[in-house]
Amino acid sequence: MIDFTIPHETQDICDNLFRFIDQEVLPLEDANQELLGNPVKMFQEDRHYVPELLALRKQVRMESAKAGFYTMFGAEELGGMGLGPLESAHISEALNERYGPGRSLIQTVVIPSPFTNGLSPVLRALQPELIDHYLPDIASGEKTLCFGLSEPDAGSDVFNLKTTAVKEGDEWVINGTKQWITNAPYADYCMLFAITDKELVEQRKGGITGFFVDTKLPGFDVTSVIPVMGYVGGDTGIIQIENLRVPDSHILGDVHKGLRVAMTGVNTGRIGMSASCVGLARWALRQAVNYANQRKTFGTTIGNHQAVQLMLADCAMDIYAGRNMVLNCAWKLSQGMPALKEISMNKAFNTEMVGRVMDRVIQIHGGMGLTNELKIEEGYRWARLLRIPDGTSEIQRRTIALSLLKEDLDF
């Protein structure tokens, strides 16, 4: 029988995590509210984060690492706690439910995104001799990563990559362009993927290799920061790669089999994202319920109006379905069961679900929902973003349908 209750050990981790954030991070937020509360002040003219914000984020990362939270989702072989998918899902949900959206020093900082930073599962593909050299600074939060897969013409279709890597002696020479790369403007290292066998790529049978790259090497240049919805800057960048020379020892995994390495991180990230969506939706529903019990119109609280009740009920049904999808899928993964289509179901459903919930919650709040005072509109914008990165909703549906057409009807 599947038990979806939070184990005592996991609840203890959540309690300690919340205590750390309340005692160490929230005071930093309060002391720097003039900066953190104004998106315009957070960015320089070149769209990069201002140095003060980068310093604050680094401080939180390193304090979180000292406390053991920054690396807790990482594999034990990398020095992490090795928490499983179910524990990770519970914690990601609880964190986002408690603190809500728009927390520049909490989300992806206290606990890093599971495939773009920290003890990414991709790092397990590092050659053994490199692990001792690079891992300590990554685990401590001193150094950060980016995940260089997407390109201008290769997002959903990874076999449409144009970046190439050609072997010359004991080095690889890499040329190409990467786009939509999270943390690219600030990363110390890049997990970079390039074509190493065009014939295999044309046959869609491999031919892509991963490389662990120092972003300070000649030939690696972040040419632009891409401002996304609602922001004048950000952490998403374009990377130009020109005659970048990478030692053969810095290959991630096996030659021509880089997609296996890449998907390890992507699938982990999709479950984490889905759990975060559930948490954010629960946070938003709580705001709506509180408001519905306080705000009065026509002589009564708006919670007594049927139109508001219906929206609250729809939110609860969405969240209940999404949460059980996440936990069921995480349980399957923890049992070593295949869950490709279930991961896609989660990513598509929950990124859409949190958008529906945020939209209804704005409606319930009326004019107040449109202000940035309550952070609901920021949650709405963030929710809209999530339907595209790490595999669009349409690509997830394609993955689901292809599995079904192969008679994979068990879920």
Protein backbone atom coordinates (compact mmCIF):
# COMPACT_ATOMS: atom_id res chain seq x y z
CA MET A 1 0.00 0.00 0.00
CA ILE A 2 1.31 3.45 -0.93
CA ASP A 3 1.55 5.80 2.04
CA PHE A 4 1.64 9.47 1.03
CA THR A 5 1.93 10.89 4.54
CA ILE A 6 5.14 12.76 5.25
CA PRO A 7 7.50 10.49 7.23
CA HIS A 8 8.64 11.85 10.60
CA GLU A 9 12.24 12.03 9.37
CA THR A 10 11.22 14.13 6.37
CA GLN A 11 9.05 16.39 8.52
CA ASP A 12 12.02 16.91 10.84
CA ILE A 13 14.11 18.01 7.84
CA CYS A 14 11.36 20.44 6.82
CA ASP A 15 11.16 21.86 10.34
CA ASN A 16 14.93 22.36 10.49
CA LEU A 17 14.93 23.88 7.00
CA PHE A 18 12.20 26.35 7.93
CA ARG A 19 14.06 27.25 11.11
CA PHE A 20 17.21 27.94 9.09
CA ILE A 21 15.34 30.14 6.61
CA ASP A 22 13.44 32.02 9.31
CA GLN A 23 16.59 32.69 11.33
CA GLU A 24 19.21 33.18 8.62
CA VAL A 25 17.50 34.18 5.36
CA LEU A 26 14.44 36.22 6.31
CA PRO A 27 16.52 38.74 8.30
CA LEU A 28 18.62 39.25 5.15
CA GLU A 29 15.43 39.82 3.17
CA ASP A 30 14.20 42.37 5.69
CA ALA A 31 17.54 44.20 5.78
CA ASN A 32 17.69 44.39 1.97
CA GLN A 33 14.04 45.00 1.19
CA GLU A 34 14.78 48.18 -0.77
CA LEU A 35 16.82 46.06 -3.20
CA LEU A 36 14.84 42.82 -3.19
CA GLY A 37 11.46 44.51 -3.29
CA ASN A 38 12.22 46.51 -6.43
CA PRO A 39 12.88 44.49 -9.62
CA VAL A 40 14.37 47.55 -11.31
CA LYS A 41 17.06 47.88 -8.63
CA MET A 42 17.94 44.18 -8.85
CA PHE A 43 19.50 44.53 -12.30
CA GLN A 44 22.30 46.49 -13.96
CA GLU A 45 22.00 48.17 -17.35
CA ASP A 46 23.43 45.05 -19.00
CA ARG A 47 20.56 43.04 -17.41
CA HIS A 48 22.84 41.18 -15.00
CA TYR A 49 22.00 41.00 -11.32
CA VAL A 50 23.62 43.80 -9.36
CA PRO A 51 26.73 42.70 -7.38
CA GLU A 52 24.92 43.22 -4.07
CA LEU A 53 22.25 40.66 -4.99
CA LEU A 54 24.81 38.16 -6.26
CA ALA A 55 26.70 38.51 -2.98
CA LEU A 56 23.54 37.92 -0.95
CA ARG A 57 22.64 34.83 -2.97
CA LYS A 58 26.15 33.44 -2.54
CA GLN A 59 26.01 34.10 1.19
CA VAL A 60 22.74 32.17 1.48
CA ARG A 61 24.04 29.31 -0.70
CA MET A 62 27.12 28.86 1.43
CA GLU A 63 25.26 29.12 4.73
CA SER A 64 22.72 26.59 3.45
CA ALA A 65 25.57 24.27 2.45
CA LYS A 66 27.11 24.54 5.92
CA ALA A 67 23.73 23.66 7.42
CA GLY A 68 23.40 20.65 5.11
CA PHE A 69 20.39 21.80 3.09
CA TYR A 70 22.07 22.91 -0.14
CA THR A 71 23.32 19.39 -0.90
CA MET A 72 20.60 17.25 0.63
CA PHE A 73 19.04 16.26 -2.71
CA GLY A 74 22.46 15.25 -4.07
CA ALA A 75 23.54 11.63 -4.42
CA GLU A 76 25.49 10.15 -1.53
CA GLU A 77 28.34 9.28 -3.91
CA LEU A 78 28.69 13.04 -4.51
CA GLY A 79 28.59 13.87 -0.83
CA GLY A 80 24.88 14.65 -0.59
CA MET A 81 22.24 13.23 1.73
CA GLY A 82 20.85 11.07 -1.04
CA LEU A 83 17.23 11.89 -0.28
CA GLY A 84 14.94 9.93 -2.57
CA PRO A 85 12.30 11.26 -4.99
CA LEU A 86 9.48 11.00 -2.45
CA GLU A 87 11.34 12.87 0.29
CA SER A 88 12.51 15.49 -2.20
CA ALA A 89 8.95 16.01 -3.46
CA HIS A 90 7.59 16.48 0.07
CA ILE A 91 10.31 19.03 0.91
CA SER A 92 9.98 21.00 -2.35
CA GLU A 93 6.23 21.22 -1.90
CA ALA A 94 6.48 22.27 1.74
CA LEU A 95 9.12 24.93 1.04
CA ASN A 96 7.07 26.61 -1.68
CA GLU A 97 3.82 26.38 0.26
CA ARG A 98 5.37 28.11 3.25
CA TYR A 99 7.25 30.94 1.52
CA GLY A 100 5.37 31.47 -1.75
CA PRO A 101 6.71 33.07 -4.96
CA GLY A 102 9.13 35.91 -5.55
CA ARG A 103 11.74 35.06 -2.92
CA SER A 104 15.07 35.84 -4.57
CA LEU A 105 17.07 34.49 -1.63
CA ILE A 106 15.04 31.30 -1.13
CA GLN A 107 13.87 29.59 -4.33
CA THR A 108 16.75 27.78 -6.11
CA VAL A 109 19.20 29.35 -3.63
CA VAL A 110 18.67 27.58 -0.30
CA ILE A 111 18.03 24.38 -2.25
CA PRO A 112 19.37 24.56 -5.82
CA SER A 113 17.50 23.50 -8.91
CA PRO A 114 18.20 19.76 -9.08
CA PHE A 115 19.79 19.73 -12.50
CA THR A 116 21.28 23.17 -13.04
CA ASN A 117 23.17 23.69 -9.81
CA GLY A 118 24.54 22.18 -6.64
CA LEU A 119 25.16 18.43 -6.63
CA SER A 120 23.40 17.89 -9.95
CA PRO A 121 22.85 14.22 -10.86
CA VAL A 122 24.72 15.03 -14.07
CA LEU A 123 27.91 15.30 -12.00
CA ARG A 124 27.82 11.56 -11.42
CA ALA A 125 29.03 11.29 -15.01
CA LEU A 126 32.23 13.21 -14.21
CA GLN A 127 35.41 11.23 -14.66
CA PRO A 128 36.48 9.94 -11.20
CA GLU A 129 39.74 11.91 -11.18
CA LEU A 130 37.82 15.18 -11.58
CA ILE A 131 35.30 14.67 -8.80
CA ASP A 132 37.74 15.43 -5.98
CA HIS A 133 39.00 18.49 -7.84
CA TYR A 134 35.69 20.18 -8.66
CA LEU A 135 33.14 18.89 -6.19
CA PRO A 136 34.19 20.65 -2.95
CA ASP A 137 33.61 24.16 -4.32
CA ILE A 138 30.34 23.13 -5.98
CA ALA A 139 29.04 21.45 -2.84
CA SER A 140 29.96 24.44 -0.67
CA GLY A 141 28.06 26.89 -2.89
CA GLU A 142 31.29 28.71 -3.74
CA LYS A 143 30.97 27.74 -7.41
CA THR A 144 27.82 27.36 -9.52
CA LEU A 145 26.81 25.53 -12.69
CA CYS A 146 24.72 25.90 -15.80
CA PHE A 147 23.20 23.25 -18.07
CA GLY A 148 24.08 23.92 -21.71
CA LEU A 149 21.72 21.87 -23.85
CA SER A 150 19.16 24.19 -25.51
CA GLU A 151 19.99 26.18 -28.64
CA PRO A 152 18.21 28.70 -30.89
CA ASP A 153 16.98 25.85 -33.12
CA ALA A 154 17.06 23.03 -30.58
CA GLY A 155 14.73 23.23 -27.63
CA SER A 156 12.16 20.47 -27.63
CA ASP A 157 13.98 18.63 -30.43
CA VAL A 158 17.42 17.96 -28.98
CA PHE A 159 18.54 16.15 -32.13
CA ASN A 160 18.42 19.51 -33.91
CA LEU A 161 21.56 20.67 -32.10
CA LYS A 162 24.08 22.59 -34.19
CA THR A 163 26.93 22.85 -31.66
CA THR A 164 29.75 20.48 -32.62
CA ALA A 165 32.77 19.02 -30.86
CA VAL A 166 35.68 17.70 -32.96
CA LYS A 167 38.49 15.61 -31.47
CA GLU A 168 42.01 17.00 -31.92
CA GLY A 169 44.61 14.96 -30.08
CA ASP A 170 43.65 14.80 -26.43
CA GLU A 171 41.29 17.78 -26.72
CA TRP A 172 37.87 18.54 -28.18
CA VAL A 173 37.27 21.75 -30.13
CA ILE A 174 33.73 22.99 -29.63
CA ASN A 175 31.82 25.55 -31.72
CA GLY A 176 28.22 26.68 -31.55
CA THR A 177 25.60 28.71 -29.72
CA LYS A 178 23.54 27.90 -26.64
CA GLN A 179 20.39 29.78 -25.70
CA TRP A 180 17.90 29.88 -22.80
CA ILE A 181 20.61 28.66 -20.42
CA THR A 182 19.68 29.23 -16.78
CA ASN A 183 22.47 30.74 -14.66
CA ALA A 184 24.71 31.11 -17.73
CA PRO A 185 25.66 34.74 -16.88
CA TYR A 186 26.97 33.73 -13.46
CA ALA A 187 28.07 30.09 -13.69
CA ASP A 188 31.63 28.97 -13.02
CA TYR A 189 31.16 25.69 -14.88
CA CYS A 190 28.92 24.53 -17.69
CA MET A 191 27.61 21.05 -18.42
CA LEU A 192 27.78 21.48 -22.18
CA PHE A 193 26.36 19.16 -24.85
CA ALA A 194 27.53 18.98 -28.47
CA ILE A 195 27.33 16.77 -31.56
CA THR A 196 30.25 14.35 -31.85
CA ASP A 197 28.79 12.01 -34.50
CA LYS A 198 26.51 13.58 -37.11
CA GLU A 199 25.41 10.24 -38.55
CA LEU A 200 24.15 8.99 -35.20
CA VAL A 201 22.35 12.29 -34.65
CA GLU A 202 20.67 12.07 -38.07
CA GLN A 203 19.52 8.56 -37.16
CA ARG A 204 18.40 9.85 -33.73
CA LYS A 205 20.46 7.13 -32.08
CA GLY A 206 22.90 9.23 -30.08
CA GLY A 207 25.95 11.10 -31.31
CA ILE A 208 25.76 13.82 -28.64
CA THR A 209 28.41 14.10 -25.93
CA GLY A 210 28.47 16.02 -22.66
CA PHE A 211 31.45 18.08 -21.51
CA PHE A 212 32.29 19.69 -18.18
CA VAL A 213 33.58 23.15 -19.07
CA ASP A 214 35.20 25.96 -17.12
CA THR A 215 33.30 29.06 -18.24
CA LYS A 216 36.47 31.17 -17.96
CA LEU A 217 38.18 29.27 -20.77
CA PRO A 218 38.91 31.20 -23.99
CA GLY A 219 36.13 30.63 -26.49
CA PHE A 220 33.28 30.54 -23.94
CA ASP A 221 31.39 33.83 -23.95
CA VAL A 222 27.99 34.77 -22.50
CA THR A 223 26.92 37.37 -25.05
CA SER A 224 23.52 38.32 -23.67
CA VAL A 225 21.17 38.08 -20.72
CA ILE A 226 17.60 37.34 -21.79
CA PRO A 227 14.91 39.25 -19.85
CA VAL A 228 11.88 37.03 -19.37
CA MET A 229 8.26 37.83 -18.63
CA GLY A 230 7.93 40.69 -16.17
CA TYR A 231 11.65 41.30 -15.59
CA VAL A 232 14.20 43.73 -17.02
CA GLY A 233 17.04 41.25 -16.48
CA GLY A 234 17.59 37.80 -15.10
CA ASP A 235 19.68 34.66 -15.01
CA THR A 236 18.96 33.25 -18.47
CA GLY A 237 21.65 33.74 -21.09
CA ILE A 238 22.99 33.13 -24.58
CA ILE A 239 26.40 31.47 -24.86
CA GLN A 240 28.66 31.85 -27.89
CA ILE A 241 31.23 29.07 -28.20
CA GLU A 242 34.13 29.59 -30.60
CA ASN A 243 37.05 27.17 -30.84
CA LEU A 244 36.63 26.23 -27.20
CA ARG A 245 39.22 23.59 -26.29
CA VAL A 246 38.18 21.06 -23.66
CA PRO A 247 40.41 18.21 -22.43
CA ASP A 248 39.26 14.70 -23.27
CA SER A 249 39.25 14.00 -19.53
CA HIS A 250 36.33 16.42 -19.11
CA ILE A 251 33.78 14.31 -20.98
CA LEU A 252 30.59 13.60 -19.04
CA GLY A 253 29.96 9.88 -19.27
CA ASP A 254 30.65 8.12 -22.56
CA VAL A 255 31.30 9.62 -25.98
CA HIS A 256 28.14 9.88 -28.13
CA LYS A 257 25.90 9.03 -25.14
CA GLY A 258 25.46 12.47 -23.63
CA LEU A 259 21.67 12.51 -23.89
CA ARG A 260 21.46 9.74 -21.32
CA VAL A 261 23.45 11.95 -18.99
CA ALA A 262 21.36 15.03 -19.79
CA MET A 263 18.00 13.33 -19.29
CA THR A 264 19.03 12.09 -15.85
CA GLY A 265 19.06 15.68 -14.71
CA VAL A 266 16.04 16.82 -16.71
CA ASN A 267 13.71 14.13 -15.37
CA THR A 268 14.79 14.83 -11.79
CA GLY A 269 14.14 18.50 -12.42
CA ARG A 270 10.64 17.87 -13.79
CA ILE A 271 9.51 16.10 -10.64
CA GLY A 272 11.03 18.82 -8.48
CA MET A 273 9.31 21.48 -10.57
CA SER A 274 5.97 19.66 -10.31
CA ALA A 275 6.24 19.43 -6.52
CA SER A 276 7.13 23.13 -6.36
CA CYS A 277 4.04 23.92 -8.43
CA VAL A 278 1.86 22.05 -5.95
CA GLY A 279 3.42 23.98 -3.09
CA LEU A 280 2.93 27.35 -4.78
CA ALA A 281 -0.67 26.46 -5.59
CA ARG A 282 -1.32 25.53 -1.95
CA TRP A 283 0.24 28.84 -0.87
CA ALA A 284 -2.06 30.72 -3.26
CA LEU A 285 -5.17 28.84 -2.14
CA ARG A 286 -4.39 29.72 1.47
CA GLN A 287 -4.23 33.43 0.51
CA ALA A 288 -7.57 33.11 -1.25
CA VAL A 289 -9.29 31.36 1.66
CA ASN A 290 -8.01 33.95 4.14
CA TYR A 291 -9.18 36.79 1.92
CA ALA A 292 -12.57 35.15 1.29
CA ASN A 293 -13.14 34.93 5.04
CA GLN A 294 -12.24 38.60 5.62
CA ARG A 295 -13.38 40.65 2.63
CA LYS A 296 -17.01 41.75 2.78
CA THR A 297 -19.37 42.73 -0.01
CA PHE A 298 -23.14 43.11 0.07
CA GLY A 299 -23.16 42.71 3.83
CA THR A 300 -21.31 39.40 4.05
CA THR A 301 -17.86 37.90 3.52
CA ILE A 302 -17.20 37.01 -0.11
CA GLY A 303 -16.70 33.39 0.90
CA ASN A 304 -20.48 33.20 1.22
CA HIS A 305 -20.92 34.05 -2.47
CA GLN A 306 -21.32 30.95 -4.60
CA ALA A 307 -19.11 32.28 -7.41
CA VAL A 308 -16.17 32.54 -5.01
CA GLN A 309 -16.93 29.15 -3.49
CA LEU A 310 -16.79 27.52 -6.92
CA MET A 311 -13.38 29.01 -7.64
CA LEU A 312 -12.04 27.86 -4.28
CA ALA A 313 -13.37 24.36 -4.88
CA ASP A 314 -11.84 24.22 -8.36
CA CYS A 315 -8.48 25.23 -6.90
CA ALA A 316 -8.67 22.51 -4.26
CA MET A 317 -9.58 19.83 -6.82
CA ASP A 318 -6.71 20.86 -9.07
CA ILE A 319 -4.23 20.80 -6.20
CA TYR A 320 -5.46 17.46 -4.89
CA ALA A 321 -5.07 15.85 -8.30
CA GLY A 322 -1.67 17.42 -8.91
CA ARG A 323 -0.30 16.50 -5.51
CA ASN A 324 -1.30 12.87 -5.83
CA MET A 325 0.22 12.72 -9.30
CA VAL A 326 3.53 13.99 -7.94
CA LEU A 327 3.63 11.62 -4.99
CA ASN A 328 2.56 8.60 -7.03
CA CYS A 329 5.24 9.28 -9.63
CA ALA A 330 7.88 9.97 -6.98
CA TRP A 331 6.94 6.70 -5.26
CA LYS A 332 7.36 4.79 -8.53
CA LEU A 333 10.78 6.32 -9.04
CA SER A 334 11.78 5.46 -5.48
CA GLN A 335 10.82 1.84 -6.21
CA GLY A 336 12.97 1.79 -9.34
CA MET A 337 9.92 1.54 -11.59
CA PRO A 338 9.89 3.13 -15.07
CA ALA A 339 7.90 6.36 -15.05
CA LEU A 340 8.66 8.21 -18.29
CA LYS A 341 5.08 9.03 -19.19
CA GLU A 342 4.19 9.72 -15.56
CA ILE A 343 7.00 12.30 -15.36
CA SER A 344 5.59 13.95 -18.49
CA MET A 345 2.06 13.83 -17.06
CA ASN A 346 3.30 15.59 -13.95
CA LYS A 347 5.24 18.26 -15.77
CA ALA A 348 2.36 19.10 -18.11
CA PHE A 349 -0.45 18.91 -15.57
CA ASN A 350 1.16 20.68 -12.63
CA THR A 351 2.70 23.58 -14.54
CA GLU A 352 -0.73 24.20 -16.07
CA MET A 353 -2.51 23.57 -12.77
CA VAL A 354 -0.58 26.21 -10.83
CA GLY A 355 -1.40 28.73 -13.55
CA ARG A 356 -5.11 27.99 -13.25
CA VAL A 357 -4.95 28.30 -9.48
CA MET A 358 -3.04 31.59 -9.56
CA ASP A 359 -5.53 32.99 -12.08
CA ARG A 360 -8.53 32.11 -9.90
CA VAL A 361 -6.84 33.47 -6.79
CA ILE A 362 -6.20 36.80 -8.54
CA GLN A 363 -9.89 36.87 -9.50
CA ILE A 364 -10.98 36.19 -5.92
CA HIS A 365 -8.80 39.06 -4.67
CA GLY A 366 -10.18 41.46 -7.28
CA GLY A 367 -8.11 44.62 -7.66
CA MET A 368 -5.78 43.61 -4.84
CA GLY A 369 -4.82 40.52 -6.83
CA LEU A 370 -3.42 42.71 -9.60
CA THR A 371 -1.04 44.57 -7.30
CA ASN A 372 2.46 43.34 -6.54
CA GLU A 373 1.87 43.83 -2.81
CA LEU A 374 0.57 40.29 -2.28
CA LYS A 375 2.97 38.58 -4.73
CA ILE A 376 0.07 36.70 -6.33
CA GLU A 377 0.56 38.40 -9.68
CA GLU A 378 4.26 37.49 -9.50
CA GLY A 379 3.22 33.91 -8.83
CA TYR A 380 0.94 34.09 -11.86
CA ARG A 381 3.79 35.26 -14.09
CA TRP A 382 6.14 32.62 -12.70
CA ALA A 383 3.52 29.93 -13.27
CA ARG A 384 3.14 30.97 -16.90
CA LEU A 385 6.87 30.63 -17.45
CA LEU A 386 6.97 27.05 -16.20
CA ARG A 387 4.95 25.61 -19.07
CA ILE A 388 7.85 26.09 -21.49
CA PRO A 389 11.29 25.29 -19.99
CA ASP A 390 12.40 21.69 -19.35
CA GLY A 391 10.00 20.43 -22.01
CA THR A 392 6.86 22.25 -23.15
CA SER A 393 3.39 21.00 -22.26
CA GLU A 394 2.95 19.93 -25.87
CA ILE A 395 6.14 17.86 -25.88
CA GLN A 396 5.06 16.22 -22.63
CA ARG A 397 1.75 15.26 -24.23
CA ARG A 398 3.63 13.85 -27.21
CA THR A 399 5.74 11.70 -24.89
CA ILE A 400 2.62 10.47 -23.11
CA ALA A 401 0.82 9.66 -26.36
CA LEU A 402 3.79 7.78 -27.84
CA SER A 403 3.95 5.62 -24.72
CA LEU A 404 0.23 4.91 -24.92
CA LEU A 405 0.47 3.96 -28.60
CA LYS A 406 3.11 1.39 -27.63
CA GLU A 407 0.44 -0.26 -25.45
CA ASP A 408 1.92 1.20 -22.27
CA LEU A 409 -1.43 1.73 -20.59
CA ASP A 410 -0.40 1.15 -16.98
CA PHE A 411 -0.32 4.20 -14.74
